[in-house]
Amino acid sequence: QVQLVESGRGLVQAGDSLTLSCAASEGAISSYTMGWFRQAPGKEREFVAAISWGGGSTRYADSVKDRFTISRDNAKNTVYLQMNSLKPEDTAVYYCTARTGAFIPVVPIAYNLWGQGTQVTVSS
């Protein structure tokens, strides 16, 4: 069973950049669609970005498009989320997630593996 471990939590200022990593242990991620969701206090978990198993397809939430980039290195069993031009509204716990299949859904229920989450705080 693949387990996902996020890293890269941080407290940054608006306009800064931050990269989150998600490493898979106890298995390989090469056959999984990988994604990132986030959840701010009092809000529902929302889709951020996802990438197909081969990296050929990506999907982004409108709120992060052109600022965030998702990528993966299957040889290292790791997926990344490069976040640029961060805004206070990006503050949330960020969760790495995975699912089998080629489709890239944007709802949490479609993903069956989740990491513990990592906190990102953006101050104004």
C-alpha atoms as a PDB file:
ATOM      1  CA  GLN A   1       0.000   0.000   0.000  1.00  0.00           C
ATOM      2  CA  VAL A   2       1.446   3.320  -1.082  1.00  0.00           C
ATOM      3  CA  GLN A   3       1.814   5.877   1.689  1.00  0.00           C
ATOM      4  CA  LEU A   4       2.180   9.572   0.940  1.00  0.00           C
ATOM      5  CA  VAL A   5       4.318  11.950   3.000  1.00  0.00           C
ATOM      6  CA  GLU A   6       4.284  15.690   2.331  1.00  0.00           C
ATOM      7  CA  SER A   7       7.097  18.079   3.126  1.00  0.00           C
ATOM      8  CA  GLY A   8       7.844  21.742   2.557  1.00  0.00           C
ATOM      9  CA  ARG A   9       5.562  23.411   5.050  1.00  0.00           C
ATOM     10  CA  GLY A  10       6.310  27.033   5.638  1.00  0.00           C
ATOM     11  CA  LEU A  11       5.427  30.518   6.719  1.00  0.00           C
ATOM     12  CA  VAL A  12       6.077  32.916   3.863  1.00  0.00           C
ATOM     13  CA  GLN A  13       5.139  36.420   2.828  1.00  0.00           C
ATOM     14  CA  ALA A  14       2.827  37.385   0.019  1.00  0.00           C
ATOM     15  CA  GLY A  15       4.661  37.218  -3.273  1.00  0.00           C
ATOM     16  CA  ASP A  16       7.090  34.552  -2.108  1.00  0.00           C
ATOM     17  CA  SER A  17       7.557  31.099  -3.561  1.00  0.00           C
ATOM     18  CA  LEU A  18       7.440  27.707  -1.907  1.00  0.00           C
ATOM     19  CA  THR A  19       7.771  24.144  -3.149  1.00  0.00           C
ATOM     20  CA  LEU A  20       5.899  21.244  -1.601  1.00  0.00           C
ATOM     21  CA  SER A  21       7.029  17.677  -2.090  1.00  0.00           C
ATOM     22  CA  CYS A  22       5.136  14.448  -1.699  1.00  0.00           C
ATOM     23  CA  ALA A  23       7.142  11.274  -1.409  1.00  0.00           C
ATOM     24  CA  ALA A  24       5.607   7.863  -1.679  1.00  0.00           C
ATOM     25  CA  SER A  25       6.812   5.100   0.586  1.00  0.00           C
ATOM     26  CA  GLU A  26       5.914   1.453   0.522  1.00  0.00           C
ATOM     27  CA  GLY A  27       5.291   1.503  -3.200  1.00  0.00           C
ATOM     28  CA  ALA A  28       5.687   3.262  -6.514  1.00  0.00           C
ATOM     29  CA  ILE A  29       3.532   6.097  -7.802  1.00  0.00           C
ATOM     30  CA  SER A  30       4.196   5.563 -11.482  1.00  0.00           C
ATOM     31  CA  SER A  31       0.731   4.114 -12.095  1.00  0.00           C
ATOM     32  CA  TYR A  32      -1.131   6.755 -10.112  1.00  0.00           C
ATOM     33  CA  THR A  33      -2.646  10.076 -10.997  1.00  0.00           C
ATOM     34  CA  MET A  34      -1.262  12.420  -8.339  1.00  0.00           C
ATOM     35  CA  GLY A  35      -2.780  15.588  -7.013  1.00  0.00           C
ATOM     36  CA  TRP A  36      -2.855  18.311  -4.416  1.00  0.00           C
ATOM     37  CA  PHE A  37      -5.833  19.586  -2.495  1.00  0.00           C
ATOM     38  CA  ARG A  38      -5.956  22.218   0.213  1.00  0.00           C
ATOM     39  CA  GLN A  39      -8.207  23.025   3.116  1.00  0.00           C
ATOM     40  CA  ALA A  40      -8.415  26.332   4.917  1.00  0.00           C
ATOM     41  CA  PRO A  41     -10.005  26.630   8.385  1.00  0.00           C
ATOM     42  CA  GLY A  42     -13.768  26.461   8.166  1.00  0.00           C
ATOM     43  CA  LYS A  43     -13.740  25.633   4.472  1.00  0.00           C
ATOM     44  CA  GLU A  44     -14.144  22.494   2.427  1.00  0.00           C
ATOM     45  CA  ARG A  45     -11.201  20.702   0.934  1.00  0.00           C
ATOM     46  CA  GLU A  46     -10.616  22.078  -2.548  1.00  0.00           C
ATOM     47  CA  PHE A  47      -8.767  20.900  -5.609  1.00  0.00           C
ATOM     48  CA  VAL A  48      -5.475  22.614  -6.416  1.00  0.00           C
ATOM     49  CA  ALA A  49      -3.714  20.635  -9.132  1.00  0.00           C
ATOM     50  CA  ALA A  50      -3.190  17.139 -10.460  1.00  0.00           C
ATOM     51  CA  ILE A  51      -0.966  15.330 -12.925  1.00  0.00           C
ATOM     52  CA  SER A  52      -1.461  12.131 -14.871  1.00  0.00           C
ATOM     53  CA  TRP A  53       0.656   9.070 -14.219  1.00  0.00           C
ATOM     54  CA  GLY A  54       3.046   9.817 -17.074  1.00  0.00           C
ATOM     55  CA  GLY A  55       3.096  13.553 -16.493  1.00  0.00           C
ATOM     56  CA  GLY A  56       1.601  14.323 -19.878  1.00  0.00           C
ATOM     57  CA  SER A  57      -1.583  15.874 -18.560  1.00  0.00           C
ATOM     58  CA  THR A  58      -2.105  18.398 -15.803  1.00  0.00           C
ATOM     59  CA  ARG A  59      -5.096  20.192 -14.401  1.00  0.00           C
ATOM     60  CA  TYR A  60      -5.250  23.273 -12.193  1.00  0.00           C
ATOM     61  CA  ALA A  61      -7.831  25.166 -10.208  1.00  0.00           C
ATOM     62  CA  ASP A  62      -8.532  28.566 -11.729  1.00  0.00           C
ATOM     63  CA  SER A  63      -7.342  30.225  -8.529  1.00  0.00           C
ATOM     64  CA  VAL A  64      -3.800  28.873  -8.918  1.00  0.00           C
ATOM     65  CA  LYS A  65      -3.422  28.619 -12.678  1.00  0.00           C
ATOM     66  CA  ASP A  66      -0.316  30.458 -13.914  1.00  0.00           C
ATOM     67  CA  ARG A  67       1.078  30.616 -10.361  1.00  0.00           C
ATOM     68  CA  PHE A  68       1.411  26.955  -9.357  1.00  0.00           C
ATOM     69  CA  THR A  69       3.095  24.126 -11.239  1.00  0.00           C
ATOM     70  CA  ILE A  70       2.702  20.445 -10.510  1.00  0.00           C
ATOM     71  CA  SER A  71       5.345  17.988 -11.625  1.00  0.00           C
ATOM     72  CA  ARG A  72       6.472  14.481 -10.835  1.00  0.00           C
ATOM     73  CA  ASP A  73       9.571  12.324 -10.855  1.00  0.00           C
ATOM     74  CA  ASN A  74       8.478   8.723 -10.982  1.00  0.00           C
ATOM     75  CA  ALA A  75      12.046   7.492 -10.547  1.00  0.00           C
ATOM     76  CA  LYS A  76      12.078   9.229  -7.154  1.00  0.00           C
ATOM     77  CA  ASN A  77       8.456   8.407  -6.359  1.00  0.00           C
ATOM     78  CA  THR A  78       7.886  12.090  -5.727  1.00  0.00           C
ATOM     79  CA  VAL A  79       5.433  14.736  -6.864  1.00  0.00           C
ATOM     80  CA  TYR A  80       6.034  18.451  -6.460  1.00  0.00           C
ATOM     81  CA  LEU A  81       3.948  21.579  -6.233  1.00  0.00           C
ATOM     82  CA  GLN A  82       5.866  24.724  -7.080  1.00  0.00           C
ATOM     83  CA  MET A  83       3.945  27.726  -5.767  1.00  0.00           C
ATOM     84  CA  ASN A  84       4.844  31.206  -6.938  1.00  0.00           C
ATOM     85  CA  SER A  85       3.361  34.621  -6.220  1.00  0.00           C
ATOM     86  CA  LEU A  86       1.732  33.305  -3.083  1.00  0.00           C
ATOM     87  CA  LYS A  87      -1.254  35.150  -1.665  1.00  0.00           C
ATOM     88  CA  PRO A  88      -2.742  35.180   1.834  1.00  0.00           C
ATOM     89  CA  GLU A  89      -5.742  33.296   0.447  1.00  0.00           C
ATOM     90  CA  ASP A  90      -3.403  30.402  -0.390  1.00  0.00           C
ATOM     91  CA  THR A  91      -3.057  29.764   3.345  1.00  0.00           C
ATOM     92  CA  ALA A  92      -4.248  26.234   4.049  1.00  0.00           C
ATOM     93  CA  VAL A  93      -3.228  22.713   4.862  1.00  0.00           C
ATOM     94  CA  TYR A  94      -2.078  21.135   1.620  1.00  0.00           C
ATOM     95  CA  TYR A  95      -2.739  17.454   1.039  1.00  0.00           C
ATOM     96  CA  CYS A  96      -1.073  15.147  -1.432  1.00  0.00           C
ATOM     97  CA  THR A  97      -3.361  12.583  -2.957  1.00  0.00           C
ATOM     98  CA  ALA A  98      -3.354   9.762  -5.462  1.00  0.00           C
ATOM     99  CA  ARG A  99      -5.731   7.618  -7.451  1.00  0.00           C
ATOM    100  CA  THR A 100      -5.513   4.880 -10.024  1.00  0.00           C
ATOM    101  CA  GLY A 101      -6.745   5.596 -13.517  1.00  0.00           C
ATOM    102  CA  ALA A 102      -5.973   8.162 -16.165  1.00  0.00           C
ATOM    103  CA  PHE A 103      -8.831  10.563 -15.503  1.00  0.00           C
ATOM    104  CA  ILE A 104      -8.029  13.683 -13.451  1.00  0.00           C
ATOM    105  CA  PRO A 105     -11.018  14.484 -11.229  1.00  0.00           C
ATOM    106  CA  VAL A 106     -11.332  17.570  -9.064  1.00  0.00           C
ATOM    107  CA  VAL A 107     -13.378  16.149  -6.199  1.00  0.00           C
ATOM    108  CA  PRO A 108     -11.786  14.631  -3.102  1.00  0.00           C
ATOM    109  CA  ILE A 109     -13.976  11.534  -3.118  1.00  0.00           C
ATOM    110  CA  ALA A 110     -12.385  10.411  -6.375  1.00  0.00           C
ATOM    111  CA  TYR A 111      -8.996  10.006  -4.726  1.00  0.00           C
ATOM    112  CA  ASN A 112      -8.297   7.025  -2.509  1.00  0.00           C
ATOM    113  CA  LEU A 113      -4.853   7.766  -1.042  1.00  0.00           C
ATOM    114  CA  TRP A 114      -4.060  10.796   1.110  1.00  0.00           C
ATOM    115  CA  GLY A 115      -1.093  12.213   2.942  1.00  0.00           C
ATOM    116  CA  GLN A 116      -1.278  13.784   6.392  1.00  0.00           C
ATOM    117  CA  GLY A 117      -1.113  17.322   5.077  1.00  0.00           C
ATOM    118  CA  THR A 118       1.369  20.145   5.439  1.00  0.00           C
ATOM    119  CA  GLN A 119       0.635  23.686   6.570  1.00  0.00           C
ATOM    120  CA  VAL A 120       1.295  26.639   4.292  1.00  0.00           C
ATOM    121  CA  THR A 121       0.789  30.101   5.756  1.00  0.00           C
ATOM    122  CA  VAL A 122       1.099  33.244   3.661  1.00  0.00           C
ATOM    123  CA  SER A 123       1.238  36.533   5.518  1.00  0.00           C
ATOM    124  CA  SER A 124       0.264  39.824   3.936  1.00  0.00           C
END
